[in-house]
PDB file of N, CA and C in Angstrom:
ATOM      1  N   MET A   1     -36.540  70.150 -36.411  1.00  0.00           N
ATOM      2  CA  MET A   1     -35.921  68.912 -36.190  1.00  0.00           C
ATOM      3  C   MET A   1     -35.083  69.031 -34.795  1.00  0.00           C
ATOM      4  N   ILE A   2     -34.436  70.227 -34.902  1.00  0.00           N
ATOM      5  CA  ILE A   2     -33.316  70.285 -33.694  1.00  0.00           C
ATOM      6  C   ILE A   2     -34.487  70.308 -32.482  1.00  0.00           C
ATOM      7  N   ARG A   3     -35.519  70.853 -32.386  1.00  0.00           N
ATOM      8  CA  ARG A   3     -36.352  70.720 -31.296  1.00  0.00           C
ATOM      9  C   ARG A   3     -36.898  69.349 -30.883  1.00  0.00           C
ATOM     10  N   LEU A   4     -37.140  68.569 -31.887  1.00  0.00           N
ATOM     11  CA  LEU A   4     -37.554  67.262 -31.667  1.00  0.00           C
ATOM     12  C   LEU A   4     -36.592  66.443 -30.984  1.00  0.00           C
ATOM     13  N   ILE A   5     -35.282  66.641 -31.358  1.00  0.00           N
ATOM     14  CA  ILE A   5     -33.910  66.030 -30.736  1.00  0.00           C
ATOM     15  C   ILE A   5     -33.925  66.301 -29.339  1.00  0.00           C
ATOM     16  N   ALA A   6     -33.961  67.681 -29.215  1.00  0.00           N
ATOM     17  CA  ALA A   6     -33.840  68.074 -27.673  1.00  0.00           C
ATOM     18  C   ALA A   6     -34.953  67.625 -26.885  1.00  0.00           C
ATOM     19  N   ILE A   7     -36.292  67.462 -27.309  1.00  0.00           N
ATOM     20  CA  ILE A   7     -37.258  66.931 -26.631  1.00  0.00           C
ATOM     21  C   ILE A   7     -37.116  65.426 -26.215  1.00  0.00           C
ATOM     22  N   ALA A   8     -36.604  64.878 -27.224  1.00  0.00           N
ATOM     23  CA  ALA A   8     -36.363  63.364 -27.173  1.00  0.00           C
ATOM     24  C   ALA A   8     -35.284  63.169 -26.185  1.00  0.00           C
ATOM     25  N   CYS A   9     -34.118  63.933 -26.017  1.00  0.00           N
ATOM     26  CA  CYS A   9     -33.173  63.737 -25.031  1.00  0.00           C
ATOM     27  C   CYS A   9     -33.655  63.948 -23.831  1.00  0.00           C
ATOM     28  N   LEU A  10     -34.541  65.167 -23.614  1.00  0.00           N
ATOM     29  CA  LEU A  10     -35.077  65.523 -22.392  1.00  0.00           C
ATOM     30  C   LEU A  10     -35.934  64.346 -21.788  1.00  0.00           C
ATOM     31  N   LEU A  11     -36.618  63.596 -22.666  1.00  0.00           N
ATOM     32  CA  LEU A  11     -37.628  62.502 -22.211  1.00  0.00           C
ATOM     33  C   LEU A  11     -36.718  61.306 -21.615  1.00  0.00           C
ATOM     34  N   LEU A  12     -35.555  60.964 -22.402  1.00  0.00           N
ATOM     35  CA  LEU A  12     -34.861  60.108 -21.970  1.00  0.00           C
ATOM     36  C   LEU A  12     -34.075  60.337 -20.654  1.00  0.00           C
ATOM     37  N   THR A  13     -33.591  61.643 -20.368  1.00  0.00           N
ATOM     38  CA  THR A  13     -33.157  61.849 -19.215  1.00  0.00           C
ATOM     39  C   THR A  13     -34.103  61.431 -18.208  1.00  0.00           C
ATOM     40  N   LEU A  14     -35.122  62.469 -18.421  1.00  0.00           N
ATOM     41  CA  LEU A  14     -36.372  62.068 -17.312  1.00  0.00           C
ATOM     42  C   LEU A  14     -36.656  60.616 -17.290  1.00  0.00           C
ATOM     43  N   GLN A  15     -36.853  59.870 -18.025  1.00  0.00           N
ATOM     44  CA  GLN A  15     -36.991  58.361 -17.818  1.00  0.00           C
ATOM     45  C   GLN A  15     -35.761  57.987 -16.833  1.00  0.00           C
ATOM     46  N   GLY A  16     -34.564  58.226 -17.009  1.00  0.00           N
ATOM     47  CA  GLY A  16     -33.416  57.567 -16.343  1.00  0.00           C
ATOM     48  C   GLY A  16     -33.668  57.725 -14.725  1.00  0.00           C
ATOM     49  N   CYS A  17     -34.222  58.926 -14.594  1.00  0.00           N
ATOM     50  CA  CYS A  17     -34.312  59.286 -13.052  1.00  0.00           C
ATOM     51  C   CYS A  17     -35.489  58.494 -12.531  1.00  0.00           C
ATOM     52  N   THR A  18     -36.345  58.217 -13.321  1.00  0.00           N
ATOM     53  CA  THR A  18     -37.536  57.483 -12.748  1.00  0.00           C
ATOM     54  C   THR A  18     -37.120  56.031 -12.551  1.00  0.00           C
ATOM     55  N   VAL A  19     -36.230  55.383 -13.362  1.00  0.00           N
ATOM     56  CA  VAL A  19     -35.796  54.139 -13.086  1.00  0.00           C
ATOM     57  C   VAL A  19     -35.083  53.987 -11.886  1.00  0.00           C
ATOM     58  N   ILE A  20     -34.084  54.973 -11.620  1.00  0.00           N
ATOM     59  CA  ILE A  20     -33.278  54.781 -10.546  1.00  0.00           C
ATOM     60  C   ILE A  20     -33.997  55.055  -9.347  1.00  0.00           C
ATOM     61  N   GLN A  21     -35.178  56.084  -9.171  1.00  0.00           N
ATOM     62  CA  GLN A  21     -35.972  56.132  -8.105  1.00  0.00           C
ATOM     63  C   GLN A  21     -36.642  54.852  -7.872  1.00  0.00           C
ATOM     64  N   SER A  22     -37.202  54.397  -8.957  1.00  0.00           N
ATOM     65  CA  SER A  22     -38.046  53.215  -8.480  1.00  0.00           C
ATOM     66  C   SER A  22     -37.316  52.008  -7.983  1.00  0.00           C
ATOM     67  N   ALA A  23     -36.124  52.065  -8.548  1.00  0.00           N
ATOM     68  CA  ALA A  23     -34.970  50.831  -8.019  1.00  0.00           C
ATOM     69  C   ALA A  23     -34.883  51.223  -6.242  1.00  0.00           C
ATOM     70  N   GLN A  24     -34.465  52.758  -6.373  1.00  0.00           N
ATOM     71  CA  GLN A  24     -34.350  52.857  -4.897  1.00  0.00           C
ATOM     72  C   GLN A  24     -35.397  52.580  -3.756  1.00  0.00           C
ATOM     73  N   TYR A  25     -36.883  52.705  -4.289  1.00  0.00           N
ATOM     74  CA  TYR A  25     -37.911  52.386  -3.698  1.00  0.00           C
ATOM     75  C   TYR A  25     -37.950  51.002  -3.514  1.00  0.00           C
ATOM     76  N   ALA A  26     -37.884  50.028  -4.606  1.00  0.00           N
ATOM     77  CA  ALA A  26     -37.985  48.860  -4.246  1.00  0.00           C
ATOM     78  C   ALA A  26     -36.998  47.960  -3.574  1.00  0.00           C
ATOM     79  N   VAL A  27     -35.652  48.648  -3.670  1.00  0.00           N
ATOM     80  CA  VAL A  27     -34.662  47.951  -2.820  1.00  0.00           C
ATOM     81  C   VAL A  27     -34.976  48.465  -0.995  1.00  0.00           C
ATOM     82  N   ALA A  28     -35.569  49.560  -0.863  1.00  0.00           N
ATOM     83  CA  ALA A  28     -35.810  49.945   0.340  1.00  0.00           C
ATOM     84  C   ALA A  28     -36.958  49.106   0.978  1.00  0.00           C
ATOM     85  N   ARG A  29     -38.060  48.782   0.303  1.00  0.00           N
ATOM     86  CA  ARG A  29     -39.144  48.172   0.579  1.00  0.00           C
ATOM     87  C   ARG A  29     -38.559  46.668   0.849  1.00  0.00           C
ATOM     88  N   TYR A  30     -37.750  46.254  -0.070  1.00  0.00           N
ATOM     89  CA  TYR A  30     -37.238  44.929   0.096  1.00  0.00           C
ATOM     90  C   TYR A  30     -36.393  44.650   1.555  1.00  0.00           C
ATOM     91  N   CYS A  31     -35.457  45.655   1.765  1.00  0.00           N
ATOM     92  CA  CYS A  31     -34.881  45.382   3.012  1.00  0.00           C
ATOM     93  C   CYS A  31     -35.453  45.518   4.263  1.00  0.00           C
ATOM     94  N   MET A  32     -36.743  46.138   4.345  1.00  0.00           N
ATOM     95  CA  MET A  32     -37.813  46.541   5.298  1.00  0.00           C
ATOM     96  C   MET A  32     -38.353  45.055   5.730  1.00  0.00           C
ATOM     97  N   LEU A  33     -38.150  44.060   4.614  1.00  0.00           N
ATOM     98  CA  LEU A  33     -38.996  43.012   5.112  1.00  0.00           C
ATOM     99  C   LEU A  33     -38.244  42.065   6.043  1.00  0.00           C
ATOM    100  N   PRO A  34     -38.968  41.269   6.747  1.00  0.00           N
ATOM    101  CA  PRO A  34     -38.278  40.125   7.698  1.00  0.00           C
ATOM    102  C   PRO A  34     -37.434  39.224   6.884  1.00  0.00           C
ATOM    103  N   GLU A  35     -36.492  38.545   7.381  1.00  0.00           N
ATOM    104  CA  GLU A  35     -35.666  37.583   6.729  1.00  0.00           C
ATOM    105  C   GLU A  35     -36.465  36.415   6.107  1.00  0.00           C
ATOM    106  N   PRO A  36     -37.448  35.875   6.750  1.00  0.00           N
ATOM    107  CA  PRO A  36     -38.127  34.781   5.978  1.00  0.00           C
ATOM    108  C   PRO A  36     -38.855  35.413   4.730  1.00  0.00           C
ATOM    109  N   ALA A  37     -39.421  36.583   4.573  1.00  0.00           N
ATOM    110  CA  ALA A  37     -39.743  37.267   3.363  1.00  0.00           C
ATOM    111  C   ALA A  37     -38.959  37.323   2.470  1.00  0.00           C
ATOM    112  N   ARG A  38     -37.767  38.072   3.024  1.00  0.00           N
ATOM    113  CA  ARG A  38     -36.845  38.239   1.947  1.00  0.00           C
ATOM    114  C   ARG A  38     -36.283  36.989   1.178  1.00  0.00           C
ATOM    115  N   SER A  39     -36.150  35.842   1.951  1.00  0.00           N
ATOM    116  CA  SER A  39     -35.668  34.563   1.321  1.00  0.00           C
ATOM    117  C   SER A  39     -36.468  34.214   0.539  1.00  0.00           C
ATOM    118  N   ALA A  40     -37.928  34.202   0.943  1.00  0.00           N
ATOM    119  CA  ALA A  40     -39.085  33.633  -0.257  1.00  0.00           C
ATOM    120  C   ALA A  40     -38.982  34.535  -1.402  1.00  0.00           C
ATOM    121  N   ASN A  41     -38.670  35.754  -1.270  1.00  0.00           N
ATOM    122  CA  ASN A  41     -38.967  37.009  -2.483  1.00  0.00           C
ATOM    123  C   ASN A  41     -37.653  36.429  -3.298  1.00  0.00           C
ATOM    124  N   ARG A  42     -36.297  36.179  -2.613  1.00  0.00           N
ATOM    125  CA  ARG A  42     -35.242  35.900  -3.353  1.00  0.00           C
ATOM    126  C   ARG A  42     -35.375  34.815  -4.192  1.00  0.00           C
ATOM    127  N   GLU A  43     -35.879  33.572  -3.849  1.00  0.00           N
ATOM    128  CA  GLU A  43     -36.442  32.575  -4.632  1.00  0.00           C
ATOM    129  C   GLU A  43     -37.264  32.745  -5.746  1.00  0.00           C
ATOM    130  N   ALA A  44     -38.456  33.720  -5.503  1.00  0.00           N
ATOM    131  CA  ALA A  44     -39.096  33.979  -6.571  1.00  0.00           C
ATOM    132  C   ALA A  44     -38.555  34.797  -7.684  1.00  0.00           C
ATOM    133  N   VAL A  45     -37.551  35.874  -7.413  1.00  0.00           N
ATOM    134  CA  VAL A  45     -37.128  36.715  -8.365  1.00  0.00           C
ATOM    135  C   VAL A  45     -36.043  35.625  -9.088  1.00  0.00           C
ATOM    136  N   ALA A  46     -35.252  34.962  -8.318  1.00  0.00           N
ATOM    137  CA  ALA A  46     -34.255  33.952  -8.977  1.00  0.00           C
ATOM    138  C   ALA A  46     -34.977  33.100 -10.103  1.00  0.00           C
ATOM    139  N   LEU A  47     -36.168  32.731  -9.839  1.00  0.00           N
ATOM    140  CA  LEU A  47     -36.857  31.758 -10.904  1.00  0.00           C
ATOM    141  C   LEU A  47     -37.593  32.814 -11.883  1.00  0.00           C
ATOM    142  N   ALA A  48     -37.934  33.687 -11.649  1.00  0.00           N
ATOM    143  CA  ALA A  48     -38.314  34.682 -12.775  1.00  0.00           C
ATOM    144  C   ALA A  48     -37.134  35.207 -13.620  1.00  0.00           C
ATOM    145  N   MET A  49     -36.165  35.430 -13.005  1.00  0.00           N
ATOM    146  CA  MET A  49     -35.063  36.155 -13.870  1.00  0.00           C
ATOM    147  C   MET A  49     -34.020  35.187 -14.444  1.00  0.00           C
ATOM    148  N   ALA A  50     -34.072  33.821 -14.126  1.00  0.00           N
ATOM    149  CA  ALA A  50     -33.215  32.772 -14.776  1.00  0.00           C
ATOM    150  C   ALA A  50     -33.131  32.954 -16.118  1.00  0.00           C
ATOM    151  N   PRO A  51     -31.885  33.157 -16.724  1.00  0.00           N
ATOM    152  CA  PRO A  51     -30.601  32.523 -16.124  1.00  0.00           C
ATOM    153  C   PRO A  51     -29.857  33.884 -15.533  1.00  0.00           C
ATOM    154  N   ASN A  52     -30.353  35.054 -15.610  1.00  0.00           N
ATOM    155  CA  ASN A  52     -29.811  36.174 -15.131  1.00  0.00           C
ATOM    156  C   ASN A  52     -30.075  36.285 -13.305  1.00  0.00           C
ATOM    157  N   ARG A  53     -29.290  37.227 -12.835  1.00  0.00           N
ATOM    158  CA  ARG A  53     -29.353  37.242 -11.370  1.00  0.00           C
ATOM    159  C   ARG A  53     -29.194  38.842 -10.709  1.00  0.00           C
ATOM    160  N   ILE A  54     -29.935  39.066  -9.755  1.00  0.00           N
ATOM    161  CA  ILE A  54     -29.772  40.244  -8.965  1.00  0.00           C
ATOM    162  C   ILE A  54     -29.213  39.693  -7.637  1.00  0.00           C
ATOM    163  N   ASN A  55     -28.324  40.704  -7.257  1.00  0.00           N
ATOM    164  CA  ASN A  55     -28.025  40.760  -5.733  1.00  0.00           C
ATOM    165  C   ASN A  55     -28.120  41.949  -4.861  1.00  0.00           C
ATOM    166  N   ILE A  56     -28.893  41.984  -4.102  1.00  0.00           N
ATOM    167  CA  ILE A  56     -29.296  43.181  -3.080  1.00  0.00           C
ATOM    168  C   ILE A  56     -28.656  42.917  -1.643  1.00  0.00           C
ATOM    169  N   GLN A  57     -27.832  43.778  -1.120  1.00  0.00           N
ATOM    170  CA  GLN A  57     -27.156  43.829   0.131  1.00  0.00           C
ATOM    171  C   GLN A  57     -27.920  44.865   0.661  1.00  0.00           C
ATOM    172  N   CYS A  58     -28.606  44.478   1.805  1.00  0.00           N
ATOM    173  CA  CYS A  58     -29.139  45.520   2.857  1.00  0.00           C
ATOM    174  C   CYS A  58     -28.082  45.988   3.844  1.00  0.00           C
ATOM    175  N   ALA A  59     -28.024  47.241   4.020  1.00  0.00           N
ATOM    176  CA  ALA A  59     -27.155  47.848   4.995  1.00  0.00           C
ATOM    177  C   ALA A  59     -27.350  47.214   6.322  1.00  0.00           C
ATOM    178  N   GLY A  60     -26.421  46.558   6.871  1.00  0.00           N
ATOM    179  CA  GLY A  60     -26.472  46.197   8.430  1.00  0.00           C
ATOM    180  C   GLY A  60     -27.201  44.789   8.731  1.00  0.00           C
ATOM    181  N   VAL A  61     -27.295  44.382   7.481  1.00  0.00           N
ATOM    182  CA  VAL A  61     -28.044  42.914   7.556  1.00  0.00           C
ATOM    183  C   VAL A  61     -27.213  41.965   6.863  1.00  0.00           C
ATOM    184  N   ASP A  62     -26.824  40.663   7.658  1.00  0.00           N
ATOM    185  CA  ASP A  62     -26.088  39.698   6.917  1.00  0.00           C
ATOM    186  C   ASP A  62     -27.029  38.567   6.652  1.00  0.00           C
ATOM    187  N   ASP A  63     -27.513  38.360   5.720  1.00  0.00           N
ATOM    188  CA  ASP A  63     -28.472  37.027   5.494  1.00  0.00           C
ATOM    189  C   ASP A  63     -28.287  36.406   4.231  1.00  0.00           C
ATOM    190  N   GLU A  64     -27.334  35.539   4.231  1.00  0.00           N
ATOM    191  CA  GLU A  64     -27.154  34.704   2.748  1.00  0.00           C
ATOM    192  C   GLU A  64     -27.061  33.340   3.157  1.00  0.00           C
TER     193      GLU A  64
END
């Protein structure tokens, strides 16, 4: 039983790393897009996530 719990904890820990790495990859790709593409992407994500919001700020870029 303890072994099963240890394996479950390990799997949950590994999943957390995967989520963070996926988010880092997605944000990096988003920030590489030109401004018109980022604007269109923001609108599409806003519609898909309503009523929730996501705010991504790219380093060295001021486009609001």
